[in-house]
Amino acid sequence: EPIARDTFLADVARLARTLPERCHVLN
């Protein structure tokens, strides 16, 4: 299934708000 550009940007904004206050991440 396709995922639109704006869906990606909205998911980025949503996840960014939940990330902890740290400087480095192991993804």
mmCIF file of all heavy atoms, coordinates in Angstrom:
data_MODEL
# 
_entry.id   MODEL 
# 
loop_
_atom_site.group_PDB 
_atom_site.id 
_atom_site.type_symbol 
_atom_site.label_atom_id 
_atom_site.label_alt_id 
_atom_site.label_comp_id 
_atom_site.label_asym_id 
_atom_site.label_entity_id 
_atom_site.label_seq_id 
_atom_site.pdbx_PDB_ins_code 
_atom_site.Cartn_x 
_atom_site.Cartn_y 
_atom_site.Cartn_z 
_atom_site.occupancy 
_atom_site.B_iso_or_equiv 
_atom_site.pdbx_formal_charge 
_atom_site.auth_seq_id 
_atom_site.auth_comp_id 
_atom_site.auth_asym_id 
_atom_site.auth_atom_id 
_atom_site.pdbx_PDB_model_num 
ATOM 1   N N   . GLU A 1 1  ? 0.837  -1.199 0.000  1.00 0.00 ? 1  GLU A N   1 
ATOM 2   C CA  . GLU A 1 1  ? 0.000  0.000  0.000  1.00 0.00 ? 1  GLU A CA  1 
ATOM 3   C C   . GLU A 1 1  ? 0.873  1.251  0.000  1.00 0.00 ? 1  GLU A C   1 
ATOM 4   O O   . GLU A 1 1  ? 1.896  1.309  0.691  1.00 0.00 ? 1  GLU A O   1 
ATOM 5   C CB  . GLU A 1 1  ? -0.906 0.016  1.234  1.00 0.00 ? 1  GLU A CB  1 
ATOM 6   C CG  . GLU A 1 1  ? -1.899 -1.134 1.286  1.00 0.00 ? 1  GLU A CG  1 
ATOM 7   C CD  . GLU A 1 1  ? -2.909 -1.079 0.149  1.00 0.00 ? 1  GLU A CD  1 
ATOM 8   O OE1 . GLU A 1 1  ? -3.232 0.053  -0.298 1.00 0.00 ? 1  GLU A OE1 1 
ATOM 9   O OE2 . GLU A 1 1  ? -3.369 -2.147 -0.292 1.00 0.00 ? 1  GLU A OE2 1 
ATOM 10  N N   . PRO A 1 2  ? 0.471  2.293  -0.756 1.00 0.00 ? 2  PRO A N   1 
ATOM 11  C CA  . PRO A 1 2  ? 1.271  3.522  -0.778 1.00 0.00 ? 2  PRO A CA  1 
ATOM 12  C C   . PRO A 1 2  ? 1.061  4.355  0.485  1.00 0.00 ? 2  PRO A C   1 
ATOM 13  O O   . PRO A 1 2  ? -0.022 4.357  1.076  1.00 0.00 ? 2  PRO A O   1 
ATOM 14  C CB  . PRO A 1 2  ? 0.745  4.254  -2.014 1.00 0.00 ? 2  PRO A CB  1 
ATOM 15  C CG  . PRO A 1 2  ? -0.675 3.776  -2.147 1.00 0.00 ? 2  PRO A CG  1 
ATOM 16  C CD  . PRO A 1 2  ? -0.675 2.344  -1.676 1.00 0.00 ? 2  PRO A CD  1 
ATOM 17  N N   . ILE A 1 3  ? 2.092  5.058  0.893  1.00 0.00 ? 3  ILE A N   1 
ATOM 18  C CA  . ILE A 1 3  ? 2.035  6.008  2.001  1.00 0.00 ? 3  ILE A CA  1 
ATOM 19  C C   . ILE A 1 3  ? 2.417  7.376  1.447  1.00 0.00 ? 3  ILE A C   1 
ATOM 20  O O   . ILE A 1 3  ? 3.477  7.539  0.841  1.00 0.00 ? 3  ILE A O   1 
ATOM 21  C CB  . ILE A 1 3  ? 2.996  5.615  3.142  1.00 0.00 ? 3  ILE A CB  1 
ATOM 22  C CG1 . ILE A 1 3  ? 2.609  4.241  3.705  1.00 0.00 ? 3  ILE A CG1 1 
ATOM 23  C CG2 . ILE A 1 3  ? 2.996  6.665  4.248  1.00 0.00 ? 3  ILE A CG2 1 
ATOM 24  C CD1 . ILE A 1 3  ? 3.573  3.711  4.754  1.00 0.00 ? 3  ILE A CD1 1 
ATOM 25  N N   . ALA A 1 4  ? 1.547  8.345  1.636  1.00 0.00 ? 4  ALA A N   1 
ATOM 26  C CA  . ALA A 1 4  ? 1.759  9.681  1.072  1.00 0.00 ? 4  ALA A CA  1 
ATOM 27  C C   . ALA A 1 4  ? 2.838  10.441 1.835  1.00 0.00 ? 4  ALA A C   1 
ATOM 28  O O   . ALA A 1 4  ? 3.127  10.158 3.008  1.00 0.00 ? 4  ALA A O   1 
ATOM 29  C CB  . ALA A 1 4  ? 0.455  10.476 1.096  1.00 0.00 ? 4  ALA A CB  1 
ATOM 30  N N   . ARG A 1 5  ? 3.393  11.440 1.159  1.00 0.00 ? 5  ARG A N   1 
ATOM 31  C CA  . ARG A 1 5  ? 4.413  12.284 1.783  1.00 0.00 ? 5  ARG A CA  1 
ATOM 32  C C   . ARG A 1 5  ? 3.904  12.915 3.067  1.00 0.00 ? 5  ARG A C   1 
ATOM 33  O O   . ARG A 1 5  ? 4.597  12.910 4.100  1.00 0.00 ? 5  ARG A O   1 
ATOM 34  C CB  . ARG A 1 5  ? 4.838  13.385 0.811  1.00 0.00 ? 5  ARG A CB  1 
ATOM 35  C CG  . ARG A 1 5  ? 5.886  14.335 1.378  1.00 0.00 ? 5  ARG A CG  1 
ATOM 36  C CD  . ARG A 1 5  ? 5.910  15.644 0.618  1.00 0.00 ? 5  ARG A CD  1 
ATOM 37  N NE  . ARG A 1 5  ? 4.693  16.431 0.871  1.00 0.00 ? 5  ARG A NE  1 
ATOM 38  C CZ  . ARG A 1 5  ? 4.487  17.642 0.372  1.00 0.00 ? 5  ARG A CZ  1 
ATOM 39  N NH1 . ARG A 1 5  ? 5.396  18.202 -0.416 1.00 0.00 ? 5  ARG A NH1 1 
ATOM 40  N NH2 . ARG A 1 5  ? 3.371  18.291 0.642  1.00 0.00 ? 5  ARG A NH2 1 
ATOM 41  N N   . ASP A 1 6  ? 2.692  13.458 3.042  1.00 0.00 ? 6  ASP A N   1 
ATOM 42  C CA  . ASP A 1 6  ? 2.197  14.155 4.221  1.00 0.00 ? 6  ASP A CA  1 
ATOM 43  C C   . ASP A 1 6  ? 1.884  13.199 5.367  1.00 0.00 ? 6  ASP A C   1 
ATOM 44  O O   . ASP A 1 6  ? 1.946  13.583 6.541  1.00 0.00 ? 6  ASP A O   1 
ATOM 45  C CB  . ASP A 1 6  ? 0.962  14.989 3.864  1.00 0.00 ? 6  ASP A CB  1 
ATOM 46  C CG  . ASP A 1 6  ? 1.354  16.327 3.258  1.00 0.00 ? 6  ASP A CG  1 
ATOM 47  O OD1 . ASP A 1 6  ? 2.566  16.545 3.058  1.00 0.00 ? 6  ASP A OD1 1 
ATOM 48  O OD2 . ASP A 1 6  ? 0.443  17.147 2.993  1.00 0.00 ? 6  ASP A OD2 1 
ATOM 49  N N   . THR A 1 7  ? 1.553  11.964 5.066  1.00 0.00 ? 7  THR A N   1 
ATOM 50  C CA  . THR A 1 7  ? 1.386  10.971 6.122  1.00 0.00 ? 7  THR A CA  1 
ATOM 51  C C   . THR A 1 7  ? 2.719  10.741 6.826  1.00 0.00 ? 7  THR A C   1 
ATOM 52  O O   . THR A 1 7  ? 2.784  10.650 8.060  1.00 0.00 ? 7  THR A O   1 
ATOM 53  C CB  . THR A 1 7  ? 0.851  9.652  5.547  1.00 0.00 ? 7  THR A CB  1 
ATOM 54  O OG1 . THR A 1 7  ? -0.406 9.882  4.932  1.00 0.00 ? 7  THR A OG1 1 
ATOM 55  C CG2 . THR A 1 7  ? 0.713  8.590  6.622  1.00 0.00 ? 7  THR A CG2 1 
ATOM 56  N N   . PHE A 1 8  ? 3.773  10.618 6.039  1.00 0.00 ? 8  PHE A N   1 
ATOM 57  C CA  . PHE A 1 8  ? 5.104  10.457 6.622  1.00 0.00 ? 8  PHE A CA  1 
ATOM 58  C C   . PHE A 1 8  ? 5.454  11.642 7.516  1.00 0.00 ? 8  PHE A C   1 
ATOM 59  O O   . PHE A 1 8  ? 5.891  11.465 8.667  1.00 0.00 ? 8  PHE A O   1 
ATOM 60  C CB  . PHE A 1 8  ? 6.142  10.308 5.511  1.00 0.00 ? 8  PHE A CB  1 
ATOM 61  C CG  . PHE A 1 8  ? 7.573  10.402 5.983  1.00 0.00 ? 8  PHE A CG  1 
ATOM 62  C CD1 . PHE A 1 8  ? 8.146  9.378  6.720  1.00 0.00 ? 8  PHE A CD1 1 
ATOM 63  C CD2 . PHE A 1 8  ? 8.339  11.531 5.692  1.00 0.00 ? 8  PHE A CD2 1 
ATOM 64  C CE1 . PHE A 1 8  ? 9.472  9.464  7.158  1.00 0.00 ? 8  PHE A CE1 1 
ATOM 65  C CE2 . PHE A 1 8  ? 9.653  11.630 6.128  1.00 0.00 ? 8  PHE A CE2 1 
ATOM 66  C CZ  . PHE A 1 8  ? 10.216 10.594 6.857  1.00 0.00 ? 8  PHE A CZ  1 
ATOM 67  N N   . LEU A 1 9  ? 5.256  12.866 7.019  1.00 0.00 ? 9  LEU A N   1 
ATOM 68  C CA  . LEU A 1 9  ? 5.610  14.042 7.813  1.00 0.00 ? 9  LEU A CA  1 
ATOM 69  C C   . LEU A 1 9  ? 4.784  14.123 9.089  1.00 0.00 ? 9  LEU A C   1 
ATOM 70  O O   . LEU A 1 9  ? 5.289  14.519 10.148 1.00 0.00 ? 9  LEU A O   1 
ATOM 71  C CB  . LEU A 1 9  ? 5.423  15.306 6.967  1.00 0.00 ? 9  LEU A CB  1 
ATOM 72  C CG  . LEU A 1 9  ? 6.368  15.455 5.770  1.00 0.00 ? 9  LEU A CG  1 
ATOM 73  C CD1 . LEU A 1 9  ? 6.028  16.707 4.970  1.00 0.00 ? 9  LEU A CD1 1 
ATOM 74  C CD2 . LEU A 1 9  ? 7.825  15.489 6.217  1.00 0.00 ? 9  LEU A CD2 1 
ATOM 75  N N   . ALA A 1 10 ? 3.506  13.733 9.011  1.00 0.00 ? 10 ALA A N   1 
ATOM 76  C CA  . ALA A 1 10 ? 2.676  13.730 10.211 1.00 0.00 ? 10 ALA A CA  1 
ATOM 77  C C   . ALA A 1 10 ? 3.139  12.666 11.204 1.00 0.00 ? 10 ALA A C   1 
ATOM 78  O O   . ALA A 1 10 ? 3.163  12.895 12.423 1.00 0.00 ? 10 ALA A O   1 
ATOM 79  C CB  . ALA A 1 10 ? 1.213  13.503 9.835  1.00 0.00 ? 10 ALA A CB  1 
ATOM 80  N N   . ASP A 1 11 ? 3.543  11.498 10.697 1.00 0.00 ? 11 ASP A N   1 
ATOM 81  C CA  . ASP A 1 11 ? 4.068  10.453 11.574 1.00 0.00 ? 11 ASP A CA  1 
ATOM 82  C C   . ASP A 1 11 ? 5.372  10.885 12.230 1.00 0.00 ? 11 ASP A C   1 
ATOM 83  O O   . ASP A 1 11 ? 5.630  10.577 13.399 1.00 0.00 ? 11 ASP A O   1 
ATOM 84  C CB  . ASP A 1 11 ? 4.274  9.158  10.789 1.00 0.00 ? 11 ASP A CB  1 
ATOM 85  C CG  . ASP A 1 11 ? 2.980  8.386  10.567 1.00 0.00 ? 11 ASP A CG  1 
ATOM 86  O OD1 . ASP A 1 11 ? 1.986  8.689  11.250 1.00 0.00 ? 11 ASP A OD1 1 
ATOM 87  O OD2 . ASP A 1 11 ? 2.973  7.487  9.706  1.00 0.00 ? 11 ASP A OD2 1 
ATOM 88  N N   . VAL A 1 12 ? 6.198  11.608 11.472 1.00 0.00 ? 12 VAL A N   1 
ATOM 89  C CA  . VAL A 1 12 ? 7.456  12.121 12.022 1.00 0.00 ? 12 VAL A CA  1 
ATOM 90  C C   . VAL A 1 12 ? 7.169  13.082 13.175 1.00 0.00 ? 12 VAL A C   1 
ATOM 91  O O   . VAL A 1 12 ? 7.761  12.981 14.258 1.00 0.00 ? 12 VAL A O   1 
ATOM 92  C CB  . VAL A 1 12 ? 8.289  12.817 10.925 1.00 0.00 ? 12 VAL A CB  1 
ATOM 93  C CG1 . VAL A 1 12 ? 9.461  13.588 11.539 1.00 0.00 ? 12 VAL A CG1 1 
ATOM 94  C CG2 . VAL A 1 12 ? 8.795  11.798 9.912  1.00 0.00 ? 12 VAL A CG2 1 
ATOM 95  N N   . ALA A 1 13 ? 6.246  14.030 12.938 1.00 0.00 ? 13 ALA A N   1 
ATOM 96  C CA  . ALA A 1 13 ? 5.917  15.010 13.982 1.00 0.00 ? 13 ALA A CA  1 
ATOM 97  C C   . ALA A 1 13 ? 5.347  14.323 15.215 1.00 0.00 ? 13 ALA A C   1 
ATOM 98  O O   . ALA A 1 13 ? 5.677  14.670 16.354 1.00 0.00 ? 13 ALA A O   1 
ATOM 99  C CB  . ALA A 1 13 ? 4.941  16.042 13.430 1.00 0.00 ? 13 ALA A CB  1 
ATOM 100 N N   . ARG A 1 14 ? 4.493  13.327 14.978 1.00 0.00 ? 14 ARG A N   1 
ATOM 101 C CA  . ARG A 1 14 ? 3.865  12.624 16.101 1.00 0.00 ? 14 ARG A CA  1 
ATOM 102 C C   . ARG A 1 14 ? 4.893  11.852 16.918 1.00 0.00 ? 14 ARG A C   1 
ATOM 103 O O   . ARG A 1 14 ? 4.883  11.892 18.156 1.00 0.00 ? 14 ARG A O   1 
ATOM 104 C CB  . ARG A 1 14 ? 2.791  11.686 15.550 1.00 0.00 ? 14 ARG A CB  1 
ATOM 105 C CG  . ARG A 1 14 ? 1.955  11.005 16.627 1.00 0.00 ? 14 ARG A CG  1 
ATOM 106 C CD  . ARG A 1 14 ? 0.939  10.104 15.976 1.00 0.00 ? 14 ARG A CD  1 
ATOM 107 N NE  . ARG A 1 14 ? 0.077  9.479  16.987 1.00 0.00 ? 14 ARG A NE  1 
ATOM 108 C CZ  . ARG A 1 14 ? -0.536 8.337  16.815 1.00 0.00 ? 14 ARG A CZ  1 
ATOM 109 N NH1 . ARG A 1 14 ? -0.400 7.682  15.683 1.00 0.00 ? 14 ARG A NH1 1 
ATOM 110 N NH2 . ARG A 1 14 ? -1.310 7.834  17.760 1.00 0.00 ? 14 ARG A NH2 1 
ATOM 111 N N   . LEU A 1 15 ? 5.793  11.109 16.241 1.00 0.00 ? 15 LEU A N   1 
ATOM 112 C CA  . LEU A 1 15 ? 6.799  10.344 16.963 1.00 0.00 ? 15 LEU A CA  1 
ATOM 113 C C   . LEU A 1 15 ? 7.790  11.271 17.665 1.00 0.00 ? 15 LEU A C   1 
ATOM 114 O O   . LEU A 1 15 ? 8.216  10.995 18.795 1.00 0.00 ? 15 LEU A O   1 
ATOM 115 C CB  . LEU A 1 15 ? 7.538  9.401  16.006 1.00 0.00 ? 15 LEU A CB  1 
ATOM 116 C CG  . LEU A 1 15 ? 8.631  8.537  16.644 1.00 0.00 ? 15 LEU A CG  1 
ATOM 117 C CD1 . LEU A 1 15 ? 8.044  7.633  17.724 1.00 0.00 ? 15 LEU A CD1 1 
ATOM 118 C CD2 . LEU A 1 15 ? 9.366  7.709  15.586 1.00 0.00 ? 15 LEU A CD2 1 
ATOM 119 N N   . ALA A 1 16 ? 8.160  12.382 17.004 1.00 0.00 ? 16 ALA A N   1 
ATOM 120 C CA  . ALA A 1 16 ? 9.128  13.306 17.598 1.00 0.00 ? 16 ALA A CA  1 
ATOM 121 C C   . ALA A 1 16 ? 8.659  13.796 18.962 1.00 0.00 ? 16 ALA A C   1 
ATOM 122 O O   . ALA A 1 16 ? 9.467  13.991 19.879 1.00 0.00 ? 16 ALA A O   1 
ATOM 123 C CB  . ALA A 1 16 ? 9.379  14.479 16.663 1.00 0.00 ? 16 ALA A CB  1 
ATOM 124 N N   . ARG A 1 17 ? 7.346  13.996 19.113 1.00 0.00 ? 17 ARG A N   1 
ATOM 125 C CA  . ARG A 1 17 ? 6.815  14.484 20.389 1.00 0.00 ? 17 ARG A CA  1 
ATOM 126 C C   . ARG A 1 17 ? 6.943  13.456 21.506 1.00 0.00 ? 17 ARG A C   1 
ATOM 127 O O   . ARG A 1 17 ? 6.906  13.809 22.681 1.00 0.00 ? 17 ARG A O   1 
ATOM 128 C CB  . ARG A 1 17 ? 5.349  14.899 20.219 1.00 0.00 ? 17 ARG A CB  1 
ATOM 129 C CG  . ARG A 1 17 ? 5.155  16.131 19.357 1.00 0.00 ? 17 ARG A CG  1 
ATOM 130 C CD  . ARG A 1 17 ? 3.732  16.661 19.455 1.00 0.00 ? 17 ARG A CD  1 
ATOM 131 N NE  . ARG A 1 17 ? 2.745  15.734 18.912 1.00 0.00 ? 17 ARG A NE  1 
ATOM 132 C CZ  . ARG A 1 17 ? 2.324  15.749 17.648 1.00 0.00 ? 17 ARG A CZ  1 
ATOM 133 N NH1 . ARG A 1 17 ? 2.818  16.649 16.795 1.00 0.00 ? 17 ARG A NH1 1 
ATOM 134 N NH2 . ARG A 1 17 ? 1.401  14.894 17.235 1.00 0.00 ? 17 ARG A NH2 1 
ATOM 135 N N   . THR A 1 18 ? 7.103  12.182 21.155 1.00 0.00 ? 18 THR A N   1 
ATOM 136 C CA  . THR A 1 18 ? 7.152  11.124 22.171 1.00 0.00 ? 18 THR A CA  1 
ATOM 137 C C   . THR A 1 18 ? 8.572  10.710 22.540 1.00 0.00 ? 18 THR A C   1 
ATOM 138 O O   . THR A 1 18 ? 8.746  9.941  23.491 1.00 0.00 ? 18 THR A O   1 
ATOM 139 C CB  . THR A 1 18 ? 6.399  9.871  21.681 1.00 0.00 ? 18 THR A CB  1 
ATOM 140 O OG1 . THR A 1 18 ? 7.167  9.203  20.669 1.00 0.00 ? 18 THR A OG1 1 
ATOM 141 C CG2 . THR A 1 18 ? 5.029  10.244 21.135 1.00 0.00 ? 18 THR A CG2 1 
ATOM 142 N N   . LEU A 1 19 ? 9.563  11.174 21.793 1.00 0.00 ? 19 LEU A N   1 
ATOM 143 C CA  . LEU A 1 19 ? 10.938 10.731 22.051 1.00 0.00 ? 19 LEU A CA  1 
ATOM 144 C C   . LEU A 1 19 ? 11.451 11.314 23.362 1.00 0.00 ? 19 LEU A C   1 
ATOM 145 O O   . LEU A 1 19 ? 11.134 12.447 23.723 1.00 0.00 ? 19 LEU A O   1 
ATOM 146 C CB  . LEU A 1 19 ? 11.855 11.136 20.895 1.00 0.00 ? 19 LEU A CB  1 
ATOM 147 C CG  . LEU A 1 19 ? 11.536 10.523 19.527 1.00 0.00 ? 19 LEU A CG  1 
ATOM 148 C CD1 . LEU A 1 19 ? 12.547 10.987 18.492 1.00 0.00 ? 19 LEU A CD1 1 
ATOM 149 C CD2 . LEU A 1 19 ? 11.504 8.988  19.600 1.00 0.00 ? 19 LEU A CD2 1 
ATOM 150 N N   . PRO A 1 20 ? 12.287 10.565 24.072 1.00 0.00 ? 20 PRO A N   1 
ATOM 151 C CA  . PRO A 1 20 ? 12.822 11.061 25.345 1.00 0.00 ? 20 PRO A CA  1 
ATOM 152 C C   . PRO A 1 20 ? 13.825 12.181 25.143 1.00 0.00 ? 20 PRO A C   1 
ATOM 153 O O   . PRO A 1 20 ? 14.350 12.388 24.033 1.00 0.00 ? 20 PRO A O   1 
ATOM 154 C CB  . PRO A 1 20 ? 13.489 9.820  25.947 1.00 0.00 ? 20 PRO A CB  1 
ATOM 155 C CG  . PRO A 1 20 ? 13.831 8.969  24.765 1.00 0.00 ? 20 PRO A CG  1 
ATOM 156 C CD  . PRO A 1 20 ? 12.735 9.194  23.764 1.00 0.00 ? 20 PRO A CD  1 
ATOM 157 N N   . GLU A 1 21 ? 14.097 12.908 26.224 1.00 0.00 ? 21 GLU A N   1 
ATOM 158 C CA  . GLU A 1 21 ? 15.056 14.008 26.183 1.00 0.00 ? 21 GLU A CA  1 
ATOM 159 C C   . GLU A 1 21 ? 16.474 13.448 26.276 1.00 0.00 ? 21 GLU A C   1 
ATOM 160 O O   . GLU A 1 21 ? 17.134 13.517 27.314 1.00 0.00 ? 21 GLU A O   1 
ATOM 161 C CB  . GLU A 1 21 ? 14.781 14.989 27.331 1.00 0.00 ? 21 GLU A CB  1 
ATOM 162 C CG  . GLU A 1 21 ? 13.492 15.770 27.187 1.00 0.00 ? 21 GLU A CG  1 
ATOM 163 C CD  . GLU A 1 21 ? 13.547 16.777 26.037 1.00 0.00 ? 21 GLU A CD  1 
ATOM 164 O OE1 . GLU A 1 21 ? 14.669 17.106 25.596 1.00 0.00 ? 21 GLU A OE1 1 
ATOM 165 O OE2 . GLU A 1 21 ? 12.485 17.209 25.581 1.00 0.00 ? 21 GLU A OE2 1 
ATOM 166 N N   . ARG A 1 22 ? 16.934 12.886 25.202 1.00 0.00 ? 22 ARG A N   1 
ATOM 167 C CA  . ARG A 1 22 ? 18.290 12.357 25.127 1.00 0.00 ? 22 ARG A CA  1 
ATOM 168 C C   . ARG A 1 22 ? 18.911 12.795 23.809 1.00 0.00 ? 22 ARG A C   1 
ATOM 169 O O   . ARG A 1 22 ? 18.196 13.229 22.895 1.00 0.00 ? 22 ARG A O   1 
ATOM 170 C CB  . ARG A 1 22 ? 18.293 10.835 25.252 1.00 0.00 ? 22 ARG A CB  1 
ATOM 171 C CG  . ARG A 1 22 ? 17.915 10.354 26.663 1.00 0.00 ? 22 ARG A CG  1 
ATOM 172 C CD  . ARG A 1 22 ? 17.838 8.852  26.759 1.00 0.00 ? 22 ARG A CD  1 
ATOM 173 N NE  . ARG A 1 22 ? 17.634 8.448  28.156 1.00 0.00 ? 22 ARG A NE  1 
ATOM 174 C CZ  . ARG A 1 22 ? 18.502 7.756  28.871 1.00 0.00 ? 22 ARG A CZ  1 
ATOM 175 N NH1 . ARG A 1 22 ? 19.659 7.392  28.325 1.00 0.00 ? 22 ARG A NH1 1 
ATOM 176 N NH2 . ARG A 1 22 ? 18.230 7.433  30.125 1.00 0.00 ? 22 ARG A NH2 1 
ATOM 177 N N   . CYS A 1 23 ? 20.230 12.677 23.705 1.00 0.00 ? 23 CYS A N   1 
ATOM 178 C CA  . CYS A 1 23 ? 20.935 13.199 22.528 1.00 0.00 ? 23 CYS A CA  1 
ATOM 179 C C   . CYS A 1 23 ? 21.221 12.140 21.474 1.00 0.00 ? 23 CYS A C   1 
ATOM 180 O O   . CYS A 1 23 ? 21.464 12.478 20.319 1.00 0.00 ? 23 CYS A O   1 
ATOM 181 C CB  . CYS A 1 23 ? 22.252 13.855 22.952 1.00 0.00 ? 23 CYS A CB  1 
ATOM 182 S SG  . CYS A 1 23 ? 22.022 15.332 23.959 1.00 0.00 ? 23 CYS A SG  1 
ATOM 183 N N   . HIS A 1 24 ? 21.240 10.860 21.870 1.00 0.00 ? 24 HIS A N   1 
ATOM 184 C CA  . HIS A 1 24 ? 21.640 9.807  20.932 1.00 0.00 ? 24 HIS A CA  1 
ATOM 185 C C   . HIS A 1 24 ? 20.624 8.678  20.955 1.00 0.00 ? 24 HIS A C   1 
ATOM 186 O O   . HIS A 1 24 ? 20.105 8.309  22.010 1.00 0.00 ? 24 HIS A O   1 
ATOM 187 C CB  . HIS A 1 24 ? 23.028 9.263  21.301 1.00 0.00 ? 24 HIS A CB  1 
ATOM 188 C CG  . HIS A 1 24 ? 24.103 10.302 21.222 1.00 0.00 ? 24 HIS A CG  1 
ATOM 189 N ND1 . HIS A 1 24 ? 24.465 11.061 22.312 1.00 0.00 ? 24 HIS A ND1 1 
ATOM 190 C CD2 . HIS A 1 24 ? 24.871 10.727 20.187 1.00 0.00 ? 24 HIS A CD2 1 
ATOM 191 C CE1 . HIS A 1 24 ? 25.418 11.904 21.955 1.00 0.00 ? 24 HIS A CE1 1 
ATOM 192 N NE2 . HIS A 1 24 ? 25.681 11.720 20.679 1.00 0.00 ? 24 HIS A NE2 1 
ATOM 193 N N   . VAL A 1 25 ? 20.346 8.114  19.760 1.00 0.00 ? 25 VAL A N   1 
ATOM 194 C CA  . VAL A 1 25 ? 19.364 7.052  19.636 1.00 0.00 ? 25 VAL A CA  1 
ATOM 195 C C   . VAL A 1 25 ? 19.942 5.916  18.801 1.00 0.00 ? 25 VAL A C   1 
ATOM 196 O O   . VAL A 1 25 ? 20.604 6.142  17.780 1.00 0.00 ? 25 VAL A O   1 
ATOM 197 C CB  . VAL A 1 25 ? 18.050 7.568  19.003 1.00 0.00 ? 25 VAL A CB  1 
ATOM 198 C CG1 . VAL A 1 25 ? 18.306 8.274  17.679 1.00 0.00 ? 25 VAL A CG1 1 
ATOM 199 C CG2 . VAL A 1 25 ? 17.049 6.429  18.816 1.00 0.00 ? 25 VAL A CG2 1 
ATOM 200 N N   . LEU A 1 26 ? 19.705 4.701  19.259 1.00 0.00 ? 26 LEU A N   1 
ATOM 201 C CA  . LEU A 1 26 ? 20.031 3.494  18.503 1.00 0.00 ? 26 LEU A CA  1 
ATOM 202 C C   . LEU A 1 26 ? 18.727 3.009  17.879 1.00 0.00 ? 26 LEU A C   1 
ATOM 203 O O   . LEU A 1 26 ? 17.857 2.472  18.566 1.00 0.00 ? 26 LEU A O   1 
ATOM 204 C CB  . LEU A 1 26 ? 20.621 2.431  19.431 1.00 0.00 ? 26 LEU A CB  1 
ATOM 205 C CG  . LEU A 1 26 ? 20.920 1.067  18.784 1.00 0.00 ? 26 LEU A CG  1 
ATOM 206 C CD1 . LEU A 1 26 ? 22.063 1.191  17.787 1.00 0.00 ? 26 LEU A CD1 1 
ATOM 207 C CD2 . LEU A 1 26 ? 21.244 0.028  19.858 1.00 0.00 ? 26 LEU A CD2 1 
ATOM 208 N N   . ASN A 1 27 ? 18.579 3.228  16.579 1.00 0.00 ? 27 ASN A N   1 
ATOM 209 C CA  . ASN A 1 27 ? 17.345 2.900  15.854 1.00 0.00 ? 27 ASN A CA  1 
ATOM 210 C C   . ASN A 1 27 ? 17.500 1.507  15.247 1.00 0.00 ? 27 ASN A C   1 
ATOM 211 O O   . ASN A 1 27 ? 18.235 1.321  14.281 1.00 0.00 ? 27 ASN A O   1 
ATOM 212 C CB  . ASN A 1 27 ? 17.109 3.950  14.760 1.00 0.00 ? 27 ASN A CB  1 
ATOM 213 C CG  . ASN A 1 27 ? 15.791 3.763  14.021 1.00 0.00 ? 27 ASN A CG  1 
ATOM 214 O OD1 . ASN A 1 27 ? 15.199 2.695  14.031 1.00 0.00 ? 27 ASN A OD1 1 
ATOM 215 N ND2 . ASN A 1 27 ? 15.338 4.816  13.351 1.00 0.00 ? 27 ASN A ND2 1 
# 
